[in-house]
Protein backbone atom coordinates (compact mmCIF):
# COMPACT_ATOMS: atom_id res chain seq x y z
CA MET A 1 0.00 0.00 0.00
CA SER A 2 1.37 3.44 -0.93
CA ASN A 3 2.04 6.03 1.74
CA ALA A 4 -0.58 8.29 0.15
CA THR A 5 -3.24 5.59 0.35
CA SER A 6 -2.26 4.69 3.89
CA ASP A 7 -2.37 8.33 4.98
CA ALA A 8 -5.79 8.83 3.39
CA LYS A 9 -7.18 5.80 5.20
CA GLY A 10 -5.71 7.02 8.45
CA ASP A 11 -7.23 10.47 7.98
CA ALA A 12 -10.66 8.93 7.35
CA MET A 13 -10.48 6.78 10.46
CA SER A 14 -9.35 9.76 12.56
CA GLU A 15 -12.33 11.90 11.51
CA LYS A 16 -14.47 12.65 14.54
CA VAL A 17 -18.12 11.92 13.83
CA LEU A 18 -19.43 12.19 17.39
CA GLU A 19 -18.09 13.91 20.50
CA CYS A 20 -19.42 14.23 24.03
CA ARG A 21 -17.82 16.94 26.13
CA GLY A 22 -18.56 16.99 29.85
CA VAL A 23 -21.97 15.42 29.30
CA CYS A 24 -24.13 15.22 32.42
CA LYS A 25 -27.71 14.07 32.72
CA SER A 26 -29.92 14.21 35.77
CA TYR A 27 -33.59 13.72 36.52
CA HIS A 28 -35.68 15.09 39.38
CA ASP A 29 -37.97 12.90 41.42
CA GLY A 30 -39.71 15.37 43.67
CA SER A 31 -36.98 16.96 45.77
CA ARG A 32 -34.48 14.24 44.90
CA GLU A 33 -32.02 14.58 42.00
CA LEU A 34 -30.92 11.42 40.22
CA GLN A 35 -27.62 11.80 38.41
CA VAL A 36 -27.39 9.38 35.50
CA LEU A 37 -24.33 10.74 33.66
CA ARG A 38 -21.50 12.58 35.37
CA GLY A 39 -19.20 14.48 33.02
CA VAL A 40 -18.71 12.02 30.17
CA ASP A 41 -16.04 12.86 27.58
CA LEU A 42 -16.11 10.58 24.55
CA THR A 43 -14.98 10.75 20.93
CA VAL A 44 -16.23 8.40 18.20
CA ASN A 45 -14.16 8.21 15.02
CA ALA A 46 -15.44 7.47 11.54
CA GLY A 47 -15.64 3.82 10.63
CA GLU A 48 -14.87 2.35 14.04
CA SER A 49 -16.93 -0.12 16.02
CA MET A 50 -17.33 0.86 19.67
CA ALA A 51 -18.94 -1.05 22.51
CA ILE A 52 -20.21 0.85 25.55
CA ILE A 53 -20.37 -1.66 28.37
CA GLY A 54 -21.62 -1.45 31.92
CA ALA A 55 -24.06 -2.89 34.42
CA SER A 56 -27.77 -2.12 34.34
CA GLY A 57 -28.34 1.46 35.48
CA ALA A 58 -24.84 2.62 34.55
CA GLY A 59 -26.22 5.20 32.10
CA LYS A 60 -25.38 3.40 28.86
CA SER A 61 -28.74 3.85 27.11
CA THR A 62 -29.04 7.45 28.30
CA LEU A 63 -25.62 8.22 26.82
CA LEU A 64 -26.53 6.57 23.52
CA HIS A 65 -29.81 8.51 23.32
CA ILE A 66 -27.95 11.77 23.92
CA MET A 67 -25.37 10.88 21.27
CA GLY A 68 -28.21 10.23 18.84
CA THR A 69 -30.02 13.51 19.72
CA LEU A 70 -33.03 11.62 21.09
CA ASP A 71 -32.33 13.31 24.43
CA ARG A 72 -30.45 16.39 25.59
CA PRO A 73 -27.79 16.60 28.28
CA THR A 74 -28.41 18.58 31.45
CA LYS A 75 -24.89 19.94 31.09
CA GLY A 76 -22.16 19.57 28.51
CA GLU A 77 -22.19 19.44 24.73
CA VAL A 78 -22.58 16.95 21.91
CA TRP A 79 -20.81 17.59 18.62
CA ILE A 80 -21.71 15.83 15.36
CA ARG A 81 -19.19 16.11 12.55
CA GLY A 82 -17.62 19.15 14.17
CA LYS A 83 -20.88 21.01 14.83
CA SER A 84 -22.40 21.61 18.26
CA VAL A 85 -25.91 20.20 18.60
CA LEU A 86 -26.71 22.95 21.13
CA LYS A 87 -26.17 25.56 18.42
CA MET A 88 -28.39 23.85 15.87
CA SER A 89 -32.02 24.63 15.24
CA ARG A 90 -34.61 21.93 15.91
CA ALA A 91 -34.97 21.43 12.15
CA GLN A 92 -31.22 20.92 11.75
CA VAL A 93 -31.15 18.39 14.60
CA ASP A 94 -34.12 16.51 13.15
CA ARG A 95 -32.46 16.38 9.74
CA ILE A 96 -29.20 14.99 11.14
CA ARG A 97 -31.08 12.39 13.22
CA ASN A 98 -33.14 11.27 10.23
CA GLU A 99 -30.40 11.29 7.62
CA ASP A 100 -27.08 10.57 9.31
CA ILE A 101 -27.97 8.38 12.30
CA GLY A 102 -29.57 4.94 12.30
CA PHE A 103 -31.05 3.39 15.44
CA VAL A 104 -31.44 -0.24 16.46
CA PHE A 105 -33.22 -0.87 19.75
CA GLN A 106 -33.79 -3.86 22.03
CA PHE A 107 -37.46 -3.75 21.04
CA TYR A 108 -37.83 -3.82 17.28
CA HIS A 109 -40.54 -1.15 16.94
CA LEU A 110 -41.86 -2.62 13.70
CA LEU A 111 -45.35 -1.72 12.48
CA PRO A 112 -47.34 -4.95 12.87
CA GLU A 113 -49.80 -4.32 10.05
CA PHE A 114 -47.07 -3.88 7.43
CA THR A 115 -44.79 -6.43 5.74
CA ALA A 116 -41.04 -6.60 6.25
CA LEU A 117 -40.57 -4.79 2.93
CA GLU A 118 -43.01 -2.03 3.88
CA ASN A 119 -41.41 -1.57 7.30
CA VAL A 120 -37.99 -1.08 5.73
CA MET A 121 -39.45 1.34 3.16
CA MET A 122 -40.94 3.60 5.85
CA PRO A 123 -38.01 6.07 6.18
CA GLY A 124 -38.19 6.75 2.45
CA LEU A 125 -41.97 6.92 2.29
CA CYS A 126 -41.99 9.40 5.19
CA LYS A 127 -39.74 11.64 3.07
CA ASN A 128 -42.02 11.26 0.02
CA GLN A 129 -39.39 9.40 -1.99
CA PRO A 130 -40.60 7.57 -5.12
CA LEU A 131 -42.30 4.26 -4.34
CA LYS A 132 -40.23 2.24 -6.81
CA ALA A 133 -36.95 3.61 -5.44
CA CYS A 134 -38.08 2.78 -1.89
CA GLU A 135 -38.98 -0.77 -2.90
CA GLU A 136 -35.64 -1.28 -4.63
CA ARG A 137 -33.69 0.03 -1.64
CA ALA A 138 -35.72 -2.05 0.84
CA ASN A 139 -35.27 -5.22 -1.23
CA GLU A 140 -31.53 -4.55 -1.42
CA LEU A 141 -31.27 -4.15 2.36
CA LEU A 142 -33.42 -7.18 3.18
CA GLY A 143 -31.14 -9.20 0.93
CA MET A 144 -28.14 -7.79 2.76
CA VAL A 145 -29.48 -8.98 6.12
CA GLY A 146 -30.46 -12.40 4.76
CA LEU A 147 -34.23 -11.96 4.46
CA SER A 148 -34.83 -12.01 0.72
CA GLU A 149 -37.35 -14.81 1.16
CA ARG A 150 -39.29 -13.03 3.92
CA VAL A 151 -40.13 -9.67 2.33
CA THR A 152 -43.90 -10.25 2.29
CA HIS A 153 -44.11 -11.52 5.88
CA LYS A 154 -45.50 -9.34 8.64
CA PRO A 155 -43.69 -9.01 12.00
CA GLY A 156 -46.03 -11.52 13.68
CA GLU A 157 -44.93 -14.10 11.12
CA LEU A 158 -41.22 -13.57 11.81
CA SER A 159 -38.97 -14.84 14.59
CA GLY A 160 -37.37 -12.38 17.03
CA GLY A 161 -34.06 -12.57 15.19
CA GLU A 162 -35.75 -11.95 11.85
CA GLN A 163 -37.61 -8.97 13.26
CA GLN A 164 -34.35 -7.50 14.50
CA ARG A 165 -32.83 -7.99 11.05
CA VAL A 166 -35.76 -6.08 9.55
CA ALA A 167 -35.14 -3.31 12.11
CA ILE A 168 -31.46 -3.20 11.15
CA ALA A 169 -32.34 -3.00 7.46
CA ARG A 170 -34.74 -0.13 8.21
CA ALA A 171 -32.04 1.67 10.21
CA LEU A 172 -29.74 1.53 7.17
CA PHE A 173 -32.32 2.80 4.67
CA ASN A 174 -31.03 6.40 4.56
CA ARG A 175 -27.38 5.27 4.38
CA PRO A 176 -26.51 6.75 7.80
CA GLY A 177 -22.91 7.45 8.68
CA VAL A 178 -23.51 6.29 12.26
CA LEU A 179 -25.44 3.28 13.53
CA LEU A 180 -26.40 3.29 17.22
CA ALA A 181 -27.51 -0.03 18.70
CA ASP A 182 -29.00 -0.23 22.20
CA GLU A 183 -28.83 -3.80 23.58
CA PRO A 184 -29.90 -5.20 20.19
CA THR A 185 -29.79 -8.81 21.45
CA GLY A 186 -31.59 -8.17 24.74
CA ASN A 187 -34.76 -9.98 23.62
CA LEU A 188 -33.03 -12.84 21.82
CA ASP A 189 -31.64 -16.21 22.82
CA GLU A 190 -27.85 -16.59 22.83
CA ARG A 191 -27.54 -18.27 19.44
CA THR A 192 -29.83 -15.80 17.65
CA GLY A 193 -28.18 -12.88 19.43
CA THR A 194 -24.75 -14.04 18.28
CA GLY A 195 -25.99 -13.97 14.70
CA ILE A 196 -27.29 -10.41 15.10
CA ILE A 197 -23.98 -9.21 16.55
CA GLU A 198 -22.05 -10.88 13.74
CA LEU A 199 -24.34 -9.15 11.25
CA LEU A 200 -23.71 -5.74 12.84
CA TRP A 201 -19.92 -6.20 12.70
CA GLU A 202 -20.21 -7.34 9.08
CA LEU A 203 -22.30 -4.28 8.17
CA ASN A 204 -19.86 -2.00 9.98
CA ASP A 205 -17.19 -3.24 7.57
CA ARG A 206 -19.39 -3.61 4.48
CA VAL A 207 -21.31 -0.33 4.44
CA LYS A 208 -18.62 1.64 6.34
CA ALA A 209 -21.08 2.93 8.92
CA THR A 210 -19.63 3.83 12.30
CA LEU A 211 -21.12 1.48 14.90
CA VAL A 212 -21.72 2.29 18.57
CA LEU A 213 -23.25 -0.58 20.49
CA VAL A 214 -24.49 -0.61 24.09
CA THR A 215 -24.21 -3.95 25.86
CA HIS A 216 -23.73 -5.56 29.26
CA ASP A 217 -22.11 -8.62 27.67
CA GLU A 218 -18.30 -8.78 27.79
CA ARG A 219 -18.24 -11.35 24.98
CA VAL A 220 -20.06 -8.97 22.66
CA ALA A 221 -17.94 -5.99 23.67
CA LYS A 222 -14.65 -7.80 22.96
CA GLN A 223 -15.54 -8.00 19.27
CA ALA A 224 -15.57 -4.21 18.90
CA SER A 225 -12.51 -2.25 17.84
CA ARG A 226 -12.83 -0.14 21.00
CA ILE A 227 -14.48 -0.69 24.38
CA VAL A 228 -15.75 2.07 26.66
CA HIS A 229 -16.63 1.17 30.25
CA LEU A 230 -19.36 3.10 32.03
CA GLN A 231 -19.91 2.82 35.78
CA ALA A 232 -22.36 4.93 37.80
CA GLY A 233 -22.55 7.46 34.98
CA MET A 234 -18.78 7.87 34.60
CA MET A 235 -16.26 6.46 32.17
CA THR A 236 -13.70 4.17 33.77
CA ALA A 237 -10.42 2.77 32.52
């Protein structure tokens, strides 16, 4: 590999796509304040796979939601591709969330009355994209996640692992630069969950989407290129 090619690859991997700076999050329960995140500093680079690991209640999901602009920090800042979310308008934040970030949750959030194909098409249909283009993109993605033979099946006719694959395909519809996965195997048995994790790592490499995955499972975390430990709302070594 030439030095020029190597340098270009290194520059791409060093690009910061997400940054948390002194992120705190607290909630009030009457007169009591519950601190969930306590000054988290975190940088996510383009193309990497990161696992955020910690016990239940450590603040993992809250951090992921803040990174994905689904929630706002009580203190601190989140930067996406060098721009502060706090300085963006609501419309700008919504556009980034819809176009540059894909979400995969523990619960699949599929629409039960629609087929797998229709569920994957939804992000495009919501943006009034041409029907044929949406169908072609959805078919492509369902093939990518191994569900070419299940496109006409509704969620109730699919296994838990298949439903999660549909949810992953839907998350990739808009070609996001970042894929955020919150305990994506939490509702699956070990064997099925292993297949989902393998699929996410494969997609991280194949579609070059940055992957940030929240988990409590050390075995899952060890497959990521970087591991971040969260304990009582703080990053630990």
